[in-house]
């Protein structure tokens, strides 16, 4: 992690392997995923970036409102925790697909849909087939 807005990957002999470029401010923290295939970087540009070992940017996680100082993967590699000067820690789920999002969304709104008198009968059935299969 570097003040020049990059992440540098080195081998044990001190040979530079890759320079990861894409942050617009200092990089404060770096973490490898448990399988060693993904690198997360935390930056003063308020983002966490995910990279492969070849230096290709995979994803940018946005949501902090101030500098991100540290990042760590969960032991299973499915979640990242990031800590920021905005006084928050955010958890990022890396393996959600559309079906997972639908299941989680319906779980959150199911009670509202079923019990709100202003919701139409057709809207009450929106989540009938979703959520029961994977919750």
N, C-alpha and C. Protein backbone atom coordinates (compact mmCIF):
# COMPACT_ATOMS: atom_id res chain seq x y z
N UNK A 1 0.87 -1.18 0.00
CA UNK A 1 0.00 0.00 0.00
C UNK A 1 0.90 1.23 0.00
N UNK A 2 0.52 2.24 -0.76
CA UNK A 2 1.44 3.36 -0.93
C UNK A 2 0.74 4.71 -1.00
N UNK A 3 1.46 5.72 -0.60
CA UNK A 3 1.01 7.09 -0.72
C UNK A 3 0.98 7.58 -2.16
N UNK A 4 1.54 6.80 -3.09
CA UNK A 4 1.50 7.20 -4.51
C UNK A 4 0.26 6.65 -5.22
N UNK A 5 -0.75 6.24 -4.42
CA UNK A 5 -2.05 5.77 -4.92
C UNK A 5 -2.00 4.38 -5.56
N UNK A 6 -0.95 3.63 -5.31
CA UNK A 6 -0.82 2.30 -5.91
C UNK A 6 -0.66 1.22 -4.85
N UNK A 7 -0.79 -0.01 -5.31
CA UNK A 7 -0.43 -1.20 -4.54
C UNK A 7 0.67 -1.88 -5.33
N UNK A 8 1.74 -2.24 -4.67
CA UNK A 8 2.83 -2.93 -5.35
C UNK A 8 2.94 -4.34 -4.79
N UNK A 9 3.04 -5.30 -5.70
CA UNK A 9 3.23 -6.69 -5.33
C UNK A 9 4.68 -7.07 -5.56
N UNK A 10 5.29 -7.63 -4.53
CA UNK A 10 6.71 -7.99 -4.58
C UNK A 10 6.87 -9.48 -4.30
N UNK A 11 7.90 -10.08 -4.84
CA UNK A 11 8.21 -11.44 -4.42
C UNK A 11 9.14 -11.38 -3.21
N UNK A 12 9.46 -12.50 -2.65
CA UNK A 12 10.28 -12.53 -1.43
C UNK A 12 11.70 -12.02 -1.65
N UNK A 13 12.15 -12.03 -2.89
CA UNK A 13 13.50 -11.55 -3.21
C UNK A 13 13.55 -10.05 -3.46
N UNK A 14 12.40 -9.38 -3.30
CA UNK A 14 12.37 -7.93 -3.49
C UNK A 14 12.15 -7.50 -4.92
N UNK A 15 11.77 -8.43 -5.79
CA UNK A 15 11.50 -8.10 -7.18
C UNK A 15 10.05 -7.64 -7.32
N UNK A 16 9.85 -6.49 -7.97
CA UNK A 16 8.51 -5.97 -8.20
C UNK A 16 7.81 -6.83 -9.24
N UNK A 17 6.62 -7.35 -8.87
CA UNK A 17 5.85 -8.21 -9.78
C UNK A 17 4.76 -7.45 -10.51
N UNK A 18 4.03 -6.61 -9.79
CA UNK A 18 2.90 -5.87 -10.35
C UNK A 18 2.75 -4.55 -9.61
N UNK A 19 2.26 -3.55 -10.32
CA UNK A 19 1.82 -2.31 -9.71
C UNK A 19 0.35 -2.15 -10.04
N UNK A 20 -0.48 -2.09 -9.02
CA UNK A 20 -1.93 -1.96 -9.20
C UNK A 20 -2.28 -0.49 -9.14
N UNK A 21 -2.79 0.02 -10.25
CA UNK A 21 -3.13 1.43 -10.35
C UNK A 21 -4.61 1.60 -10.59
N UNK A 22 -5.21 2.57 -9.90
CA UNK A 22 -6.63 2.83 -10.08
C UNK A 22 -7.23 3.69 -8.98
N UNK A 23 -6.57 3.74 -7.84
CA UNK A 23 -7.04 4.61 -6.77
C UNK A 23 -6.66 6.06 -7.08
N UNK A 24 -7.46 6.99 -6.59
CA UNK A 24 -7.18 8.41 -6.82
C UNK A 24 -6.65 9.10 -5.57
N UNK A 25 -6.31 8.31 -4.55
CA UNK A 25 -5.72 8.85 -3.31
C UNK A 25 -4.86 7.75 -2.71
N UNK A 26 -4.17 8.06 -1.62
CA UNK A 26 -3.28 7.09 -0.98
C UNK A 26 -4.00 5.79 -0.65
N UNK A 27 -3.25 4.70 -0.73
CA UNK A 27 -3.76 3.39 -0.35
C UNK A 27 -3.24 3.10 1.05
N UNK A 28 -4.17 2.82 1.97
CA UNK A 28 -3.82 2.67 3.38
C UNK A 28 -3.75 1.23 3.84
N UNK A 29 -4.42 0.34 3.16
CA UNK A 29 -4.42 -1.05 3.59
C UNK A 29 -4.63 -2.00 2.44
N UNK A 30 -4.07 -3.21 2.59
CA UNK A 30 -4.17 -4.24 1.57
C UNK A 30 -4.39 -5.58 2.28
N UNK A 31 -5.19 -6.45 1.64
CA UNK A 31 -5.39 -7.79 2.18
C UNK A 31 -5.54 -8.78 1.03
N UNK A 32 -4.98 -9.97 1.22
CA UNK A 32 -5.18 -11.07 0.28
C UNK A 32 -6.36 -11.91 0.74
N UNK A 33 -7.14 -12.39 -0.22
CA UNK A 33 -8.21 -13.33 0.10
C UNK A 33 -7.57 -14.62 0.60
N UNK A 34 -8.34 -15.43 1.36
CA UNK A 34 -7.77 -16.67 1.90
C UNK A 34 -7.19 -17.60 0.83
N UNK A 35 -7.77 -17.60 -0.38
CA UNK A 35 -7.24 -18.46 -1.44
C UNK A 35 -6.07 -17.81 -2.18
N UNK A 36 -5.74 -16.56 -1.82
CA UNK A 36 -4.61 -15.87 -2.41
C UNK A 36 -4.84 -15.34 -3.82
N UNK A 37 -6.06 -15.42 -4.33
CA UNK A 37 -6.32 -15.04 -5.71
C UNK A 37 -6.84 -13.62 -5.87
N UNK A 38 -7.35 -13.02 -4.80
CA UNK A 38 -7.92 -11.68 -4.87
C UNK A 38 -7.23 -10.78 -3.85
N UNK A 39 -7.01 -9.55 -4.24
CA UNK A 39 -6.39 -8.55 -3.37
C UNK A 39 -7.40 -7.43 -3.17
N UNK A 40 -7.59 -7.02 -1.93
CA UNK A 40 -8.45 -5.87 -1.61
C UNK A 40 -7.56 -4.73 -1.15
N UNK A 41 -7.86 -3.53 -1.64
CA UNK A 41 -7.09 -2.35 -1.23
C UNK A 41 -8.03 -1.29 -0.69
N UNK A 42 -7.63 -0.66 0.41
CA UNK A 42 -8.41 0.39 1.07
C UNK A 42 -7.72 1.72 0.83
N UNK A 43 -8.51 2.75 0.46
CA UNK A 43 -7.89 3.99 0.02
C UNK A 43 -8.52 5.25 0.60
N UNK A 44 -7.74 6.30 0.55
CA UNK A 44 -8.21 7.63 0.91
C UNK A 44 -9.24 8.18 -0.06
N UNK A 45 -9.45 7.50 -1.19
CA UNK A 45 -10.49 7.93 -2.13
C UNK A 45 -11.87 7.38 -1.76
N UNK A 46 -11.99 6.86 -0.53
CA UNK A 46 -13.25 6.37 0.05
C UNK A 46 -13.72 5.04 -0.54
N UNK A 47 -12.84 4.32 -1.22
CA UNK A 47 -13.24 3.07 -1.85
C UNK A 47 -12.38 1.90 -1.38
N UNK A 48 -12.93 0.72 -1.64
CA UNK A 48 -12.18 -0.53 -1.57
C UNK A 48 -12.18 -1.08 -2.99
N UNK A 49 -11.02 -1.46 -3.47
CA UNK A 49 -10.93 -2.04 -4.81
C UNK A 49 -10.49 -3.50 -4.68
N UNK A 50 -11.05 -4.33 -5.55
CA UNK A 50 -10.69 -5.74 -5.62
C UNK A 50 -9.93 -5.98 -6.91
N UNK A 51 -8.83 -6.71 -6.80
CA UNK A 51 -7.93 -6.96 -7.93
C UNK A 51 -7.63 -8.45 -8.01
N UNK A 52 -7.31 -8.92 -9.22
CA UNK A 52 -6.75 -10.26 -9.30
C UNK A 52 -5.24 -10.15 -9.19
N UNK A 53 -4.57 -11.28 -9.10
CA UNK A 53 -3.12 -11.26 -8.89
C UNK A 53 -2.35 -10.72 -10.08
N UNK A 54 -3.00 -10.66 -11.23
CA UNK A 54 -2.35 -10.11 -12.41
C UNK A 54 -2.48 -8.60 -12.50
N UNK A 55 -3.14 -8.00 -11.51
CA UNK A 55 -3.27 -6.55 -11.47
C UNK A 55 -4.51 -6.00 -12.13
N UNK A 56 -5.41 -6.87 -12.55
CA UNK A 56 -6.65 -6.42 -13.19
C UNK A 56 -7.67 -6.02 -12.13
N UNK A 57 -8.24 -4.83 -12.29
CA UNK A 57 -9.28 -4.36 -11.38
C UNK A 57 -10.55 -5.17 -11.62
N UNK A 58 -11.07 -5.79 -10.57
CA UNK A 58 -12.27 -6.61 -10.67
C UNK A 58 -13.52 -5.86 -10.28
N UNK A 59 -13.41 -5.05 -9.23
CA UNK A 59 -14.59 -4.37 -8.70
C UNK A 59 -14.17 -3.23 -7.79
N UNK A 60 -14.99 -2.18 -7.74
CA UNK A 60 -14.78 -1.08 -6.81
C UNK A 60 -15.99 -1.04 -5.88
N UNK A 61 -15.72 -1.10 -4.58
CA UNK A 61 -16.77 -1.06 -3.57
C UNK A 61 -16.87 0.37 -3.05
N UNK A 62 -18.03 0.98 -3.27
CA UNK A 62 -18.26 2.36 -2.84
C UNK A 62 -19.35 2.39 -1.79
N UNK A 63 -19.22 3.26 -0.82
CA UNK A 63 -20.22 3.37 0.22
C UNK A 63 -19.73 4.14 1.43
N UNK A 64 -18.42 4.23 1.58
CA UNK A 64 -17.87 5.03 2.67
C UNK A 64 -17.88 6.51 2.26
N UNK A 65 -18.01 7.38 3.26
CA UNK A 65 -18.02 8.81 2.99
C UNK A 65 -16.71 9.50 3.40
N UNK A 66 -15.72 8.69 3.78
CA UNK A 66 -14.42 9.24 4.13
C UNK A 66 -13.37 8.16 3.85
N UNK A 67 -12.14 8.48 4.09
CA UNK A 67 -11.02 7.60 3.81
C UNK A 67 -11.22 6.21 4.40
N UNK A 68 -10.93 5.18 3.60
CA UNK A 68 -10.97 3.79 4.09
C UNK A 68 -9.55 3.43 4.50
N UNK A 69 -9.41 3.03 5.78
CA UNK A 69 -8.08 2.82 6.34
C UNK A 69 -7.62 1.37 6.38
N UNK A 70 -8.57 0.45 6.44
CA UNK A 70 -8.16 -0.95 6.51
C UNK A 70 -9.23 -1.83 5.90
N UNK A 71 -8.79 -3.01 5.52
CA UNK A 71 -9.67 -3.98 4.88
C UNK A 71 -9.19 -5.38 5.24
N UNK A 72 -10.14 -6.31 5.38
CA UNK A 72 -9.78 -7.69 5.70
C UNK A 72 -10.86 -8.62 5.13
N UNK A 73 -10.42 -9.79 4.70
CA UNK A 73 -11.34 -10.82 4.23
C UNK A 73 -11.76 -11.70 5.40
N UNK A 74 -12.98 -12.23 5.36
CA UNK A 74 -13.40 -13.25 6.31
C UNK A 74 -12.64 -14.53 5.98
N UNK A 75 -12.56 -15.47 6.94
CA UNK A 75 -11.82 -16.71 6.68
C UNK A 75 -12.32 -17.50 5.47
N UNK A 76 -13.62 -17.41 5.17
CA UNK A 76 -14.15 -18.14 4.01
C UNK A 76 -14.03 -17.34 2.72
N UNK A 77 -13.55 -16.09 2.78
CA UNK A 77 -13.35 -15.27 1.60
C UNK A 77 -14.62 -14.71 1.00
N UNK A 78 -15.75 -14.88 1.66
CA UNK A 78 -17.03 -14.45 1.10
C UNK A 78 -17.43 -13.04 1.54
N UNK A 79 -16.76 -12.51 2.56
CA UNK A 79 -17.11 -11.20 3.09
C UNK A 79 -15.84 -10.39 3.30
N UNK A 80 -15.94 -9.10 3.03
CA UNK A 80 -14.86 -8.17 3.33
C UNK A 80 -15.37 -7.19 4.38
N UNK A 81 -14.53 -6.86 5.36
CA UNK A 81 -14.83 -5.79 6.30
C UNK A 81 -13.89 -4.63 5.98
N UNK A 82 -14.45 -3.42 5.93
CA UNK A 82 -13.63 -2.23 5.70
C UNK A 82 -13.93 -1.22 6.80
N UNK A 83 -12.88 -0.55 7.28
CA UNK A 83 -13.00 0.45 8.33
C UNK A 83 -12.60 1.81 7.77
N UNK A 84 -13.36 2.84 8.16
CA UNK A 84 -13.19 4.15 7.55
C UNK A 84 -13.13 5.27 8.58
N UNK A 85 -12.58 6.41 8.14
CA UNK A 85 -12.61 7.63 8.95
C UNK A 85 -14.03 8.17 9.10
N UNK A 86 -15.00 7.63 8.35
CA UNK A 86 -16.38 8.04 8.53
C UNK A 86 -17.01 7.39 9.76
N UNK A 87 -16.16 6.71 10.53
CA UNK A 87 -16.55 6.08 11.80
C UNK A 87 -17.48 4.88 11.61
N UNK A 88 -17.34 4.20 10.46
CA UNK A 88 -18.12 3.00 10.21
C UNK A 88 -17.21 1.86 9.81
N UNK A 89 -17.72 0.67 10.04
CA UNK A 89 -17.16 -0.55 9.48
C UNK A 89 -18.24 -1.10 8.57
N UNK A 90 -17.90 -1.39 7.34
CA UNK A 90 -18.87 -1.94 6.40
C UNK A 90 -18.49 -3.38 6.08
N UNK A 91 -19.53 -4.22 5.96
CA UNK A 91 -19.34 -5.60 5.55
C UNK A 91 -19.86 -5.73 4.13
N UNK A 92 -19.06 -6.31 3.27
CA UNK A 92 -19.38 -6.45 1.85
C UNK A 92 -19.48 -7.93 1.53
N UNK A 93 -20.64 -8.39 1.08
CA UNK A 93 -20.80 -9.77 0.68
C UNK A 93 -20.38 -9.89 -0.77
N UNK A 94 -19.41 -10.75 -1.04
CA UNK A 94 -18.83 -10.83 -2.38
C UNK A 94 -19.52 -11.85 -3.27
N UNK A 95 -20.40 -12.67 -2.72
CA UNK A 95 -20.95 -13.76 -3.52
C UNK A 95 -22.46 -13.70 -3.68
N UNK A 96 -23.03 -12.52 -3.67
CA UNK A 96 -24.47 -12.41 -3.89
C UNK A 96 -24.76 -12.40 -5.38
N UNK A 97 -25.67 -13.25 -5.80
CA UNK A 97 -26.16 -13.16 -7.17
C UNK A 97 -27.59 -12.60 -7.12
N UNK A 98 -28.22 -12.46 -8.27
CA UNK A 98 -29.56 -11.86 -8.33
C UNK A 98 -30.55 -12.66 -7.49
N UNK A 99 -30.49 -13.98 -7.56
CA UNK A 99 -31.41 -14.80 -6.76
C UNK A 99 -31.22 -14.55 -5.26
N UNK A 100 -29.94 -14.45 -4.83
CA UNK A 100 -29.67 -14.16 -3.42
C UNK A 100 -30.25 -12.81 -3.02
N UNK A 101 -30.09 -11.82 -3.89
CA UNK A 101 -30.63 -10.49 -3.59
C UNK A 101 -32.15 -10.52 -3.48
N UNK A 102 -32.80 -11.25 -4.36
CA UNK A 102 -34.26 -11.37 -4.30
C UNK A 102 -34.70 -12.06 -3.00
N UNK A 103 -34.01 -13.10 -2.62
CA UNK A 103 -34.35 -13.80 -1.38
C UNK A 103 -34.20 -12.87 -0.19
N UNK A 104 -33.08 -12.17 -0.12
CA UNK A 104 -32.86 -11.25 1.00
C UNK A 104 -33.88 -10.11 1.00
N UNK A 105 -34.13 -9.53 -0.17
CA UNK A 105 -35.10 -8.44 -0.27
C UNK A 105 -36.49 -8.87 0.15
N UNK A 106 -36.92 -10.02 -0.32
CA UNK A 106 -38.26 -10.50 0.06
C UNK A 106 -38.32 -10.83 1.55
N UNK A 107 -37.25 -11.35 2.10
CA UNK A 107 -37.24 -11.62 3.54
C UNK A 107 -37.45 -10.33 4.33
N UNK A 108 -36.86 -9.23 3.83
CA UNK A 108 -36.97 -7.94 4.53
C UNK A 108 -38.38 -7.34 4.42
N UNK A 109 -39.03 -7.52 3.27
CA UNK A 109 -40.31 -6.83 3.06
C UNK A 109 -41.54 -7.73 3.19
N UNK A 110 -41.35 -9.02 3.39
CA UNK A 110 -42.48 -9.95 3.42
C UNK A 110 -43.54 -9.54 4.44
N UNK A 111 -43.16 -9.24 5.65
CA UNK A 111 -44.12 -8.87 6.69
C UNK A 111 -44.88 -7.61 6.30
N UNK A 112 -44.16 -6.63 5.76
CA UNK A 112 -44.80 -5.39 5.32
C UNK A 112 -45.83 -5.67 4.23
N UNK A 113 -45.44 -6.47 3.24
CA UNK A 113 -46.35 -6.78 2.13
C UNK A 113 -47.61 -7.50 2.62
N UNK A 114 -47.45 -8.39 3.57
CA UNK A 114 -48.58 -9.19 4.03
C UNK A 114 -49.50 -8.43 4.99
N UNK A 115 -48.96 -7.48 5.72
CA UNK A 115 -49.74 -6.85 6.79
C UNK A 115 -50.14 -5.40 6.55
N UNK A 116 -49.67 -4.78 5.49
CA UNK A 116 -50.02 -3.39 5.21
C UNK A 116 -51.34 -3.35 4.44
N UNK A 117 -52.35 -2.67 4.96
CA UNK A 117 -53.65 -2.64 4.29
C UNK A 117 -53.63 -1.89 2.95
N UNK A 118 -52.60 -1.10 2.69
CA UNK A 118 -52.51 -0.34 1.44
C UNK A 118 -51.83 -1.12 0.31
N UNK A 119 -51.40 -2.33 0.57
CA UNK A 119 -50.74 -3.14 -0.45
C UNK A 119 -51.79 -4.00 -1.15
N UNK A 120 -51.78 -4.00 -2.47
CA UNK A 120 -52.77 -4.77 -3.23
C UNK A 120 -52.50 -6.26 -3.09
N UNK A 121 -53.51 -7.07 -3.38
CA UNK A 121 -53.38 -8.52 -3.29
C UNK A 121 -52.29 -9.05 -4.23
N UNK A 122 -52.20 -8.47 -5.43
CA UNK A 122 -51.17 -8.93 -6.36
C UNK A 122 -49.77 -8.58 -5.84
N UNK A 123 -49.63 -7.42 -5.22
CA UNK A 123 -48.33 -7.06 -4.64
C UNK A 123 -47.99 -7.94 -3.45
N UNK A 124 -49.00 -8.36 -2.70
CA UNK A 124 -48.76 -9.23 -1.55
C UNK A 124 -48.17 -10.56 -1.99
N UNK A 125 -48.42 -10.96 -3.24
CA UNK A 125 -47.92 -12.24 -3.74
C UNK A 125 -46.56 -12.13 -4.43
N UNK A 126 -45.99 -10.93 -4.48
CA UNK A 126 -44.72 -10.75 -5.17
C UNK A 126 -43.63 -11.69 -4.70
N UNK A 127 -43.59 -11.94 -3.42
CA UNK A 127 -42.50 -12.75 -2.86
C UNK A 127 -42.95 -14.16 -2.50
N UNK A 128 -44.14 -14.58 -2.96
CA UNK A 128 -44.63 -15.91 -2.60
C UNK A 128 -43.69 -17.02 -3.03
N UNK A 129 -43.12 -16.93 -4.21
CA UNK A 129 -42.25 -17.98 -4.71
C UNK A 129 -40.78 -17.72 -4.40
N UNK A 130 -40.49 -16.55 -3.88
CA UNK A 130 -39.10 -16.16 -3.61
C UNK A 130 -38.87 -16.20 -2.11
N UNK A 131 -37.75 -16.74 -1.75
CA UNK A 131 -37.40 -16.72 -0.34
C UNK A 131 -37.65 -18.04 0.34
N UNK A 132 -38.72 -18.71 -0.03
CA UNK A 132 -38.99 -19.99 0.61
C UNK A 132 -38.03 -21.05 0.11
N UNK A 133 -37.42 -20.81 -1.06
CA UNK A 133 -36.54 -21.82 -1.62
C UNK A 133 -35.11 -21.75 -1.11
N UNK A 134 -34.66 -20.56 -0.57
CA UNK A 134 -33.25 -20.46 -0.18
C UNK A 134 -33.02 -19.70 1.11
N UNK A 135 -33.99 -19.41 1.89
CA UNK A 135 -33.76 -18.62 3.11
C UNK A 135 -33.08 -19.47 4.16
